[in-house]
Every structure is written in structure tokens, then in C-alpha cells.
Amino acid sequence: MKTYTTLSEAINDLTKKGYTFNFNVQHDCIWCAENNMQLLHDEFEIDEVYRFQEMSDVDNESILYAISSKQNNVKGLLVNAYSIYADTASTKLIEKLNSR
């Protein structure tokens, strides 16, 4: 797995590798607005995970997931702050995202 210095560098590189859709956390799934697709925890794989922390602001931490779903023929990215989904996502979805 490659090492990235910044979140934007990682996003740009992974987009070139085919991770072109943008996902957001919903209660029991991840959702892609571009194609109105919902993926439940068992419908996607987490291919890569990268964590970033801004040196100027230690409270500004983010995590980038490279996600794919073979059954839906889609690859995309999910950017989130650490544990931001803890209050809104289902237990199964949180477990999936924390598994890597």
C-alpha cells in the first residue's frame, strides 16, 4: 500500500486508479449520490484505508476508505472524520469500517 502525505494527494491518486464515485455514511449503508446507489455492509469491500492528521490542528483527523463492490461494479471513496459516524451508523456498518 502506498504512503500519501496529504488527503488530496491520496484522493487524486486513487481516482486515477478507478475509485471515481463518492460515498457517504448513512444509517445502515454507504450511499453514492452520483448514481443513487446504497451498499449495505456485506455488499462492499474496503480495499485500502488511509488516516491523515493535520500537523497544525491535531483535532482535525480524517480517514479515507477506498471501497469496491464487485456485484455492483463500482469503486469509490469515502472520506470521514475519525468516529464521526459513531452516532449515526448501524453497528454492522461501524464494525465493517473499523475492520481495517
C-alpha atoms as a PDB file:
ATOM      1  CA  MET A   1       0.000   0.000   0.000  1.00  0.00           C
ATOM      2  CA  LYS A   2       1.307   3.431  -0.952  1.00  0.00           C
ATOM      3  CA  THR A   3       2.019   6.165   1.590  1.00  0.00           C
ATOM      4  CA  TYR A   4       0.448   9.574   0.984  1.00  0.00           C
ATOM      5  CA  THR A   5       1.398  12.871   2.576  1.00  0.00           C
ATOM      6  CA  THR A   6      -1.987  14.580   2.182  1.00  0.00           C
ATOM      7  CA  LEU A   7      -5.610  13.599   1.807  1.00  0.00           C
ATOM      8  CA  SER A   8      -5.871  15.379  -1.543  1.00  0.00           C
ATOM      9  CA  GLU A   9      -2.833  13.507  -2.883  1.00  0.00           C
ATOM     10  CA  ALA A  10      -4.432  10.188  -1.918  1.00  0.00           C
ATOM     11  CA  ILE A  11      -7.797  11.123  -3.444  1.00  0.00           C
ATOM     12  CA  ASN A  12      -6.177  12.196  -6.719  1.00  0.00           C
ATOM     13  CA  ASP A  13      -4.113   9.017  -6.990  1.00  0.00           C
ATOM     14  CA  LEU A  14      -6.945   6.649  -6.070  1.00  0.00           C
ATOM     15  CA  THR A  15      -9.266   8.413  -8.532  1.00  0.00           C
ATOM     16  CA  LYS A  16      -6.710   7.660 -11.271  1.00  0.00           C
ATOM     17  CA  LYS A  17      -6.878   4.008 -10.159  1.00  0.00           C
ATOM     18  CA  GLY A  18     -10.633   3.907 -10.814  1.00  0.00           C
ATOM     19  CA  TYR A  19     -12.098   4.920  -7.446  1.00  0.00           C
ATOM     20  CA  THR A  20     -14.324   7.524  -9.075  1.00  0.00           C
ATOM     21  CA  PHE A  21     -17.524   7.517  -7.021  1.00  0.00           C
ATOM     22  CA  ASN A  22     -18.029   9.385  -3.736  1.00  0.00           C
ATOM     23  CA  PHE A  23     -19.687   7.598  -0.826  1.00  0.00           C
ATOM     24  CA  ASN A  24     -21.245   8.947   2.358  1.00  0.00           C
ATOM     25  CA  VAL A  25     -22.234   7.105   5.527  1.00  0.00           C
ATOM     26  CA  GLN A  26     -25.959   6.575   6.026  1.00  0.00           C
ATOM     27  CA  HIS A  27     -27.516   4.729   8.978  1.00  0.00           C
ATOM     28  CA  ASP A  28     -27.182   1.161   7.708  1.00  0.00           C
ATOM     29  CA  CYS A  29     -25.302   1.623   4.421  1.00  0.00           C
ATOM     30  CA  ILE A  30     -22.942   3.761   2.439  1.00  0.00           C
ATOM     31  CA  TRP A  31     -24.606   5.895  -0.219  1.00  0.00           C
ATOM     32  CA  CYS A  32     -23.419   7.292  -3.534  1.00  0.00           C
ATOM     33  CA  ALA A  33     -25.354  10.375  -4.673  1.00  0.00           C
ATOM     34  CA  GLU A  34     -23.942  10.277  -8.214  1.00  0.00           C
ATOM     35  CA  ASN A  35     -25.754   7.065  -9.078  1.00  0.00           C
ATOM     36  CA  ASN A  36     -28.186   6.917  -6.145  1.00  0.00           C
ATOM     37  CA  MET A  37     -26.687   3.615  -5.004  1.00  0.00           C
ATOM     38  CA  GLN A  38     -26.835   2.220  -1.487  1.00  0.00           C
ATOM     39  CA  LEU A  39     -24.443  -0.510  -0.381  1.00  0.00           C
ATOM     40  CA  LEU A  40     -25.069  -2.490   2.779  1.00  0.00           C
ATOM     41  CA  HIS A  41     -22.132  -3.672   4.897  1.00  0.00           C
ATOM     42  CA  ASP A  42     -21.995  -7.034   3.108  1.00  0.00           C
ATOM     43  CA  GLU A  43     -22.154  -5.535  -0.403  1.00  0.00           C
ATOM     44  CA  PHE A  44     -18.761  -3.802  -0.451  1.00  0.00           C
ATOM     45  CA  GLU A  45     -15.125  -4.382   0.404  1.00  0.00           C
ATOM     46  CA  ILE A  46     -12.652  -1.958   1.900  1.00  0.00           C
ATOM     47  CA  ASP A  47      -9.595  -2.199  -0.338  1.00  0.00           C
ATOM     48  CA  GLU A  48      -7.405   0.428   1.315  1.00  0.00           C
ATOM     49  CA  VAL A  49      -7.543   2.738   4.345  1.00  0.00           C
ATOM     50  CA  TYR A  50      -5.520   5.907   4.937  1.00  0.00           C
ATOM     51  CA  ARG A  51      -5.508   8.131   8.011  1.00  0.00           C
ATOM     52  CA  PHE A  52      -4.479  11.770   7.993  1.00  0.00           C
ATOM     53  CA  GLN A  53      -3.869  14.316  10.726  1.00  0.00           C
ATOM     54  CA  GLU A  54      -3.091  17.961  10.083  1.00  0.00           C
ATOM     55  CA  MET A  55       0.029  18.971  11.971  1.00  0.00           C
ATOM     56  CA  SER A  56      -1.386  22.446  12.639  1.00  0.00           C
ATOM     57  CA  ASP A  57      -4.597  21.057  14.133  1.00  0.00           C
ATOM     58  CA  VAL A  58      -4.367  17.726  15.952  1.00  0.00           C
ATOM     59  CA  ASP A  59      -8.166  17.659  16.296  1.00  0.00           C
ATOM     60  CA  ASN A  60      -8.527  17.671  12.505  1.00  0.00           C
ATOM     61  CA  GLU A  61      -8.205  13.987  11.680  1.00  0.00           C
ATOM     62  CA  SER A  62      -9.699  12.244   8.684  1.00  0.00           C
ATOM     63  CA  ILE A  63      -9.852   8.767   7.259  1.00  0.00           C
ATOM     64  CA  LEU A  64     -10.086   7.753   3.610  1.00  0.00           C
ATOM     65  CA  TYR A  65     -11.562   4.423   2.533  1.00  0.00           C
ATOM     66  CA  ALA A  66     -11.061   3.007  -0.976  1.00  0.00           C
ATOM     67  CA  ILE A  67     -14.194   0.904  -1.494  1.00  0.00           C
ATOM     68  CA  SER A  68     -15.241  -1.551  -4.174  1.00  0.00           C
ATOM     69  CA  SER A  69     -18.297  -3.646  -4.879  1.00  0.00           C
ATOM     70  CA  LYS A  70     -17.847  -6.390  -7.456  1.00  0.00           C
ATOM     71  CA  GLN A  71     -21.540  -7.249  -7.502  1.00  0.00           C
ATOM     72  CA  ASN A  72     -22.415  -3.624  -8.318  1.00  0.00           C
ATOM     73  CA  ASN A  73     -19.328  -2.989 -10.479  1.00  0.00           C
ATOM     74  CA  VAL A  74     -18.435   0.216  -8.629  1.00  0.00           C
ATOM     75  CA  LYS A  75     -15.315   1.650  -6.988  1.00  0.00           C
ATOM     76  CA  GLY A  76     -15.258   4.817  -4.928  1.00  0.00           C
ATOM     77  CA  LEU A  77     -14.020   6.753  -1.945  1.00  0.00           C
ATOM     78  CA  LEU A  78     -15.441   7.502   1.474  1.00  0.00           C
ATOM     79  CA  VAL A  79     -13.860  10.356   3.440  1.00  0.00           C
ATOM     80  CA  ASN A  80     -14.804  10.776   7.058  1.00  0.00           C
ATOM     81  CA  ALA A  81     -13.534  12.229  10.293  1.00  0.00           C
ATOM     82  CA  TYR A  82     -12.451   9.667  12.874  1.00  0.00           C
ATOM     83  CA  SER A  83     -15.522   8.222  14.576  1.00  0.00           C
ATOM     84  CA  ILE A  84     -17.855  10.827  13.079  1.00  0.00           C
ATOM     85  CA  TYR A  85     -20.244   8.044  12.045  1.00  0.00           C
ATOM     86  CA  ALA A  86     -20.417   6.522  15.525  1.00  0.00           C
ATOM     87  CA  ASP A  87     -23.738   8.143  16.403  1.00  0.00           C
ATOM     88  CA  THR A  88     -25.432   7.767  13.027  1.00  0.00           C
ATOM     89  CA  ALA A  89     -24.320   4.455  11.547  1.00  0.00           C
ATOM     90  CA  SER A  90     -25.563   0.987  12.403  1.00  0.00           C
ATOM     91  CA  THR A  91     -23.388  -1.351  14.437  1.00  0.00           C
ATOM     92  CA  LYS A  92     -22.730  -3.607  11.436  1.00  0.00           C
ATOM     93  CA  LEU A  93     -21.608  -0.682   9.287  1.00  0.00           C
ATOM     94  CA  ILE A  94     -19.322   0.668  12.030  1.00  0.00           C
ATOM     95  CA  GLU A  95     -17.798  -2.792  12.500  1.00  0.00           C
ATOM     96  CA  LYS A  96     -17.157  -3.050   8.756  1.00  0.00           C
ATOM     97  CA  LEU A  97     -15.489   0.376   8.584  1.00  0.00           C
ATOM     98  CA  ASN A  98     -13.382  -0.329  11.665  1.00  0.00           C
ATOM     99  CA  SER A  99     -12.292  -3.754  10.464  1.00  0.00           C
ATOM    100  CA  ARG A 100      -9.270  -2.376   8.545  1.00  0.00           C
END
